[in-house]
C-alpha cells in the first residue's frame, strides 16, 4: 500500500480528507467538511504547512495526545488521531514525510473503495 490523501464525499455531497500512511493507518484528518475544491485547497495547504514545525500544535487528551496542524494564518487544516504521548513525535514525523508527495485519491463515500 502507498501513502495517499483520500478525498471523501459523504451522502450529502460534503467533502473531507484523510492522510493515510504507507501502512494504511490514518495520520491526519481534515476538520472542515466543505466543497471538493475547498478541501483540495486544504490539502495543498497541508503540503506547505508540514515544512514548518511551529504549525504542529500538540494537545493532551484523556486517552493520550494528538496534534493539530495549522496554516500560517492559524486556520486548522487537520487533526491527528489520538496516540500515546510518547508516540506523538513519530506521528508528526510520519505526517511530515508523507504529506508532500502523497497523491489525492477520490472516493464517493466512506463505504466505497478508492478510485485510482
N, C-alpha and C. Protein backbone atom coordinates (compact mmCIF):
# COMPACT_ATOMS: atom_id res chain seq x y z
N UNK A 1 0.85 -1.18 0.00
CA UNK A 1 0.00 0.00 0.00
C UNK A 1 0.90 1.24 0.00
N UNK A 2 0.43 2.28 -0.61
CA UNK A 2 1.20 3.52 -0.67
C UNK A 2 0.46 4.64 0.04
N UNK A 3 1.22 5.61 0.51
CA UNK A 3 0.62 6.75 1.21
C UNK A 3 -0.27 7.52 0.25
N UNK A 4 -1.33 8.15 0.81
CA UNK A 4 -2.26 8.91 -0.03
C UNK A 4 -3.13 9.82 0.80
N UNK A 5 -3.64 10.84 0.15
CA UNK A 5 -4.72 11.63 0.69
C UNK A 5 -5.99 11.03 0.10
N UNK A 6 -6.91 10.59 0.94
CA UNK A 6 -8.22 10.15 0.46
C UNK A 6 -9.17 11.33 0.54
N UNK A 7 -9.68 11.74 -0.60
CA UNK A 7 -10.67 12.80 -0.70
C UNK A 7 -12.02 12.10 -0.72
N UNK A 8 -12.81 12.32 0.32
CA UNK A 8 -14.03 11.53 0.52
C UNK A 8 -15.26 12.42 0.50
N UNK A 9 -16.25 12.01 -0.29
CA UNK A 9 -17.54 12.70 -0.32
C UNK A 9 -18.55 11.90 0.46
N UNK A 10 -19.32 12.57 1.33
CA UNK A 10 -20.38 11.87 2.05
C UNK A 10 -21.68 11.91 1.25
N UNK A 11 -22.72 11.35 1.82
CA UNK A 11 -24.00 11.25 1.13
C UNK A 11 -24.62 12.62 0.85
N UNK A 12 -24.25 13.64 1.61
CA UNK A 12 -24.78 15.00 1.41
C UNK A 12 -23.93 15.82 0.45
N UNK A 13 -22.87 15.22 -0.11
CA UNK A 13 -22.02 15.93 -1.05
C UNK A 13 -20.94 16.78 -0.42
N UNK A 14 -20.75 16.66 0.90
CA UNK A 14 -19.65 17.37 1.56
C UNK A 14 -18.39 16.53 1.45
N UNK A 15 -17.28 17.20 1.30
CA UNK A 15 -16.00 16.52 1.15
C UNK A 15 -15.14 16.72 2.39
N UNK A 16 -14.22 15.79 2.57
CA UNK A 16 -13.21 15.89 3.60
C UNK A 16 -12.03 15.04 3.15
N UNK A 17 -10.94 15.03 3.92
CA UNK A 17 -9.80 14.21 3.55
C UNK A 17 -9.25 13.46 4.75
N UNK A 18 -8.56 12.38 4.43
CA UNK A 18 -7.77 11.64 5.40
C UNK A 18 -6.41 11.38 4.76
N UNK A 19 -5.34 11.72 5.46
CA UNK A 19 -3.99 11.37 5.01
C UNK A 19 -3.67 10.01 5.61
N UNK A 20 -3.37 9.06 4.74
CA UNK A 20 -3.03 7.71 5.19
C UNK A 20 -1.58 7.40 4.86
N UNK A 21 -0.90 6.76 5.80
CA UNK A 21 0.49 6.39 5.61
C UNK A 21 0.64 5.17 4.73
N UNK A 22 1.89 4.77 4.49
CA UNK A 22 2.18 3.61 3.65
C UNK A 22 1.52 2.34 4.17
N UNK A 23 1.29 2.26 5.48
CA UNK A 23 0.69 1.08 6.08
C UNK A 23 -0.84 1.15 6.13
N UNK A 24 -1.41 2.23 5.58
CA UNK A 24 -2.87 2.38 5.56
C UNK A 24 -3.45 3.03 6.80
N UNK A 25 -2.61 3.34 7.78
CA UNK A 25 -3.08 3.97 9.01
C UNK A 25 -3.34 5.46 8.78
N UNK A 26 -4.41 5.97 9.37
CA UNK A 26 -4.73 7.39 9.27
C UNK A 26 -3.71 8.19 10.06
N UNK A 27 -3.17 9.23 9.43
CA UNK A 27 -2.20 10.11 10.07
C UNK A 27 -2.79 11.48 10.38
N UNK A 28 -3.72 11.94 9.53
CA UNK A 28 -4.28 13.27 9.68
C UNK A 28 -5.67 13.29 9.05
N UNK A 29 -6.61 13.90 9.75
CA UNK A 29 -7.98 14.04 9.27
C UNK A 29 -8.28 15.50 8.98
N UNK A 30 -8.91 15.79 7.86
CA UNK A 30 -9.41 17.13 7.61
C UNK A 30 -10.50 17.43 8.62
N UNK A 31 -10.64 18.68 9.01
CA UNK A 31 -11.57 19.02 10.08
C UNK A 31 -12.77 19.82 9.61
N UNK A 32 -12.80 20.19 8.36
CA UNK A 32 -13.86 21.08 7.91
C UNK A 32 -14.50 20.56 6.64
N UNK A 33 -15.59 19.77 6.76
CA UNK A 33 -16.23 19.28 5.54
C UNK A 33 -16.76 20.44 4.72
N UNK A 34 -16.49 20.40 3.44
CA UNK A 34 -16.86 21.51 2.57
C UNK A 34 -16.93 20.98 1.15
N UNK A 35 -16.89 21.88 0.20
CA UNK A 35 -16.90 21.50 -1.20
C UNK A 35 -15.58 20.88 -1.62
N UNK A 36 -15.61 20.20 -2.73
CA UNK A 36 -14.45 19.48 -3.25
C UNK A 36 -13.24 20.41 -3.43
N UNK A 37 -13.43 21.54 -4.06
CA UNK A 37 -12.33 22.46 -4.33
C UNK A 37 -11.73 23.00 -3.03
N UNK A 38 -12.56 23.35 -2.06
CA UNK A 38 -12.07 23.86 -0.78
C UNK A 38 -11.22 22.82 -0.06
N UNK A 39 -11.64 21.57 -0.08
CA UNK A 39 -10.89 20.52 0.60
C UNK A 39 -9.59 20.22 -0.16
N UNK A 40 -9.62 20.26 -1.48
CA UNK A 40 -8.38 20.10 -2.25
C UNK A 40 -7.41 21.23 -1.91
N UNK A 41 -7.93 22.43 -1.74
CA UNK A 41 -7.11 23.56 -1.35
C UNK A 41 -6.51 23.34 0.05
N UNK A 42 -7.29 22.78 0.97
CA UNK A 42 -6.77 22.45 2.30
C UNK A 42 -5.60 21.47 2.19
N UNK A 43 -5.71 20.49 1.30
CA UNK A 43 -4.64 19.52 1.11
C UNK A 43 -3.37 20.23 0.63
N UNK A 44 -3.52 21.15 -0.29
CA UNK A 44 -2.36 21.92 -0.77
C UNK A 44 -1.72 22.70 0.37
N UNK A 45 -2.54 23.26 1.24
CA UNK A 45 -2.02 23.99 2.40
C UNK A 45 -1.33 23.04 3.39
N UNK A 46 -1.85 21.83 3.54
CA UNK A 46 -1.20 20.83 4.40
C UNK A 46 0.20 20.56 3.87
N UNK A 47 0.32 20.37 2.56
CA UNK A 47 1.62 20.07 1.96
C UNK A 47 2.65 21.16 2.25
N UNK A 48 2.21 22.40 2.32
CA UNK A 48 3.12 23.50 2.65
C UNK A 48 3.37 23.59 4.16
N UNK A 49 2.32 23.44 4.94
CA UNK A 49 2.41 23.64 6.39
C UNK A 49 3.33 22.61 7.06
N UNK A 50 3.42 21.41 6.53
CA UNK A 50 4.23 20.38 7.18
C UNK A 50 5.72 20.72 7.19
N UNK A 51 6.12 21.71 6.43
CA UNK A 51 7.53 22.14 6.40
C UNK A 51 7.92 22.96 7.62
N UNK A 52 6.92 23.43 8.38
CA UNK A 52 7.19 24.33 9.50
C UNK A 52 6.74 23.71 10.82
N UNK A 53 7.71 23.39 11.65
CA UNK A 53 7.44 22.71 12.92
C UNK A 53 6.44 23.45 13.80
N UNK A 54 6.52 24.78 13.83
CA UNK A 54 5.66 25.54 14.74
C UNK A 54 4.18 25.49 14.35
N UNK A 55 3.86 24.97 13.17
CA UNK A 55 2.46 24.85 12.76
C UNK A 55 1.81 23.56 13.27
N UNK A 56 2.61 22.67 13.86
CA UNK A 56 2.09 21.48 14.53
C UNK A 56 1.87 21.83 15.99
N UNK A 57 0.64 21.79 16.44
CA UNK A 57 0.32 22.18 17.81
C UNK A 57 -0.15 20.94 18.58
N UNK A 58 0.67 20.46 19.54
CA UNK A 58 0.29 19.27 20.30
C UNK A 58 -0.77 19.59 21.36
N UNK A 59 -1.61 18.61 21.63
CA UNK A 59 -2.66 18.74 22.64
C UNK A 59 -2.71 17.45 23.45
N UNK A 60 -2.94 17.60 24.74
CA UNK A 60 -3.17 16.44 25.60
C UNK A 60 -4.63 16.04 25.53
N UNK A 61 -4.88 14.76 25.70
CA UNK A 61 -6.23 14.23 25.73
C UNK A 61 -6.29 13.16 26.81
N UNK A 62 -7.49 12.85 27.31
CA UNK A 62 -7.59 11.83 28.36
C UNK A 62 -7.00 10.49 27.96
N UNK A 63 -7.03 10.19 26.66
CA UNK A 63 -6.52 8.91 26.19
C UNK A 63 -5.15 9.03 25.52
N UNK A 64 -4.42 10.11 25.75
CA UNK A 64 -3.09 10.27 25.18
C UNK A 64 -2.85 11.69 24.70
N UNK A 65 -2.59 11.82 23.41
CA UNK A 65 -2.30 13.14 22.84
C UNK A 65 -2.64 13.12 21.35
N UNK A 66 -2.74 14.31 20.79
CA UNK A 66 -2.94 14.45 19.34
C UNK A 66 -2.31 15.76 18.93
N UNK A 67 -2.18 15.96 17.64
CA UNK A 67 -1.60 17.18 17.12
C UNK A 67 -2.58 17.81 16.13
N UNK A 68 -2.62 19.13 16.15
CA UNK A 68 -3.40 19.90 15.19
C UNK A 68 -2.41 20.59 14.27
N UNK A 69 -2.67 20.54 12.97
CA UNK A 69 -1.84 21.23 12.00
C UNK A 69 -2.57 22.47 11.53
N UNK A 70 -1.89 23.62 11.66
CA UNK A 70 -2.49 24.89 11.25
C UNK A 70 -1.72 25.47 10.07
N UNK A 71 -2.36 26.39 9.36
CA UNK A 71 -1.63 27.12 8.34
C UNK A 71 -1.03 28.37 8.97
N UNK A 72 -0.33 29.17 8.19
CA UNK A 72 0.35 30.35 8.74
C UNK A 72 -0.60 31.41 9.27
N UNK A 73 -1.88 31.34 8.89
CA UNK A 73 -2.89 32.28 9.40
C UNK A 73 -3.62 31.75 10.63
N UNK A 74 -3.25 30.56 11.10
CA UNK A 74 -3.89 29.98 12.27
C UNK A 74 -5.10 29.12 11.97
N UNK A 75 -5.46 28.96 10.70
CA UNK A 75 -6.58 28.12 10.29
C UNK A 75 -6.22 26.66 10.50
N UNK A 76 -7.09 25.91 11.15
CA UNK A 76 -6.83 24.49 11.40
C UNK A 76 -7.08 23.70 10.12
N UNK A 77 -6.03 23.02 9.67
CA UNK A 77 -6.10 22.22 8.46
C UNK A 77 -6.45 20.77 8.73
N UNK A 78 -5.97 20.24 9.86
CA UNK A 78 -6.21 18.84 10.15
C UNK A 78 -5.87 18.50 11.58
N UNK A 79 -6.30 17.32 11.97
CA UNK A 79 -6.10 16.82 13.33
C UNK A 79 -5.68 15.36 13.23
N UNK A 80 -4.71 15.00 14.03
CA UNK A 80 -4.23 13.62 14.02
C UNK A 80 -5.14 12.74 14.87
N UNK A 81 -5.01 11.43 14.71
CA UNK A 81 -5.70 10.54 15.65
C UNK A 81 -5.03 10.66 17.03
N UNK A 82 -5.72 10.22 18.05
CA UNK A 82 -5.16 10.20 19.40
C UNK A 82 -4.18 9.03 19.50
N UNK A 83 -3.03 9.31 20.08
CA UNK A 83 -1.99 8.30 20.30
C UNK A 83 -1.41 8.48 21.70
N UNK A 84 -0.63 7.51 22.14
CA UNK A 84 0.09 7.68 23.40
C UNK A 84 1.05 8.86 23.23
N UNK A 85 1.27 9.60 24.31
CA UNK A 85 2.12 10.80 24.25
C UNK A 85 3.51 10.51 23.69
N UNK A 86 4.08 9.37 24.06
CA UNK A 86 5.43 9.06 23.60
C UNK A 86 5.48 8.76 22.10
N UNK A 87 4.34 8.49 21.47
CA UNK A 87 4.30 8.21 20.04
C UNK A 87 4.04 9.45 19.19
N UNK A 88 3.71 10.58 19.83
CA UNK A 88 3.36 11.79 19.09
C UNK A 88 4.49 12.30 18.19
N UNK A 89 5.75 12.36 18.66
CA UNK A 89 6.81 12.82 17.76
C UNK A 89 6.94 11.97 16.50
N UNK A 90 6.79 10.67 16.62
CA UNK A 90 6.86 9.78 15.46
C UNK A 90 5.70 10.01 14.50
N UNK A 91 4.52 10.30 15.05
CA UNK A 91 3.36 10.59 14.21
C UNK A 91 3.59 11.88 13.43
N UNK A 92 4.11 12.90 14.09
CA UNK A 92 4.41 14.17 13.41
C UNK A 92 5.43 13.93 12.30
N UNK A 93 6.47 13.14 12.58
CA UNK A 93 7.48 12.84 11.56
C UNK A 93 6.85 12.12 10.37
N UNK A 94 5.93 11.20 10.63
CA UNK A 94 5.26 10.47 9.54
C UNK A 94 4.41 11.42 8.69
N UNK A 95 3.71 12.36 9.33
CA UNK A 95 2.91 13.34 8.58
C UNK A 95 3.83 14.19 7.71
N UNK A 96 4.95 14.65 8.27
CA UNK A 96 5.91 15.47 7.53
C UNK A 96 6.48 14.72 6.32
N UNK A 97 6.77 13.45 6.51
CA UNK A 97 7.37 12.67 5.44
C UNK A 97 6.37 12.28 4.36
N UNK A 98 5.13 12.09 4.74
CA UNK A 98 4.12 11.56 3.83
C UNK A 98 3.38 12.62 3.03
N UNK A 99 3.00 13.71 3.67
CA UNK A 99 2.09 14.69 3.06
C UNK A 99 2.61 15.34 1.77
N UNK A 100 3.88 15.72 1.68
CA UNK A 100 4.30 16.47 0.49
C UNK A 100 4.11 15.74 -0.84
N UNK A 101 4.24 14.43 -0.84
CA UNK A 101 4.18 13.71 -2.12
C UNK A 101 3.01 12.73 -2.23
N UNK A 102 2.16 12.66 -1.23
CA UNK A 102 1.04 11.72 -1.27
C UNK A 102 0.03 12.13 -2.35
N UNK A 103 -0.34 11.22 -3.23
CA UNK A 103 -1.35 11.56 -4.24
C UNK A 103 -2.73 11.69 -3.61
N UNK A 104 -3.61 12.36 -4.32
CA UNK A 104 -5.00 12.50 -3.88
C UNK A 104 -5.83 11.45 -4.61
N UNK A 105 -6.48 10.61 -3.84
CA UNK A 105 -7.35 9.56 -4.37
C UNK A 105 -8.78 9.90 -3.95
N UNK A 106 -9.68 9.98 -4.90
CA UNK A 106 -11.05 10.39 -4.59
C UNK A 106 -11.96 9.18 -4.37
N UNK A 107 -12.81 9.31 -3.34
CA UNK A 107 -13.83 8.30 -3.05
C UNK A 107 -15.17 8.99 -2.97
N UNK A 108 -16.22 8.29 -3.37
CA UNK A 108 -17.56 8.87 -3.36
C UNK A 108 -18.19 8.89 -1.98
N UNK A 109 -17.92 7.89 -1.17
CA UNK A 109 -18.44 7.88 0.21
C UNK A 109 -17.50 7.03 1.05
N UNK A 110 -17.67 7.10 2.32
CA UNK A 110 -16.78 6.36 3.22
C UNK A 110 -16.91 4.85 3.05
N UNK A 111 -17.99 4.39 2.47
CA UNK A 111 -18.17 2.95 2.33
C UNK A 111 -17.71 2.42 0.97
N UNK A 112 -17.36 3.30 0.02
CA UNK A 112 -16.94 2.87 -1.29
C UNK A 112 -15.43 2.77 -1.36
N UNK A 113 -14.90 1.87 -2.20
CA UNK A 113 -13.46 1.76 -2.34
C UNK A 113 -12.89 2.98 -3.07
N UNK A 114 -11.60 3.21 -2.86
CA UNK A 114 -10.94 4.33 -3.53
C UNK A 114 -10.80 4.08 -5.00
N UNK A 115 -10.85 5.15 -5.80
CA UNK A 115 -10.63 5.08 -7.24
C UNK A 115 -9.26 5.64 -7.56
N UNK A 116 -8.58 5.02 -8.49
CA UNK A 116 -7.22 5.49 -8.86
C UNK A 116 -7.27 6.20 -10.14
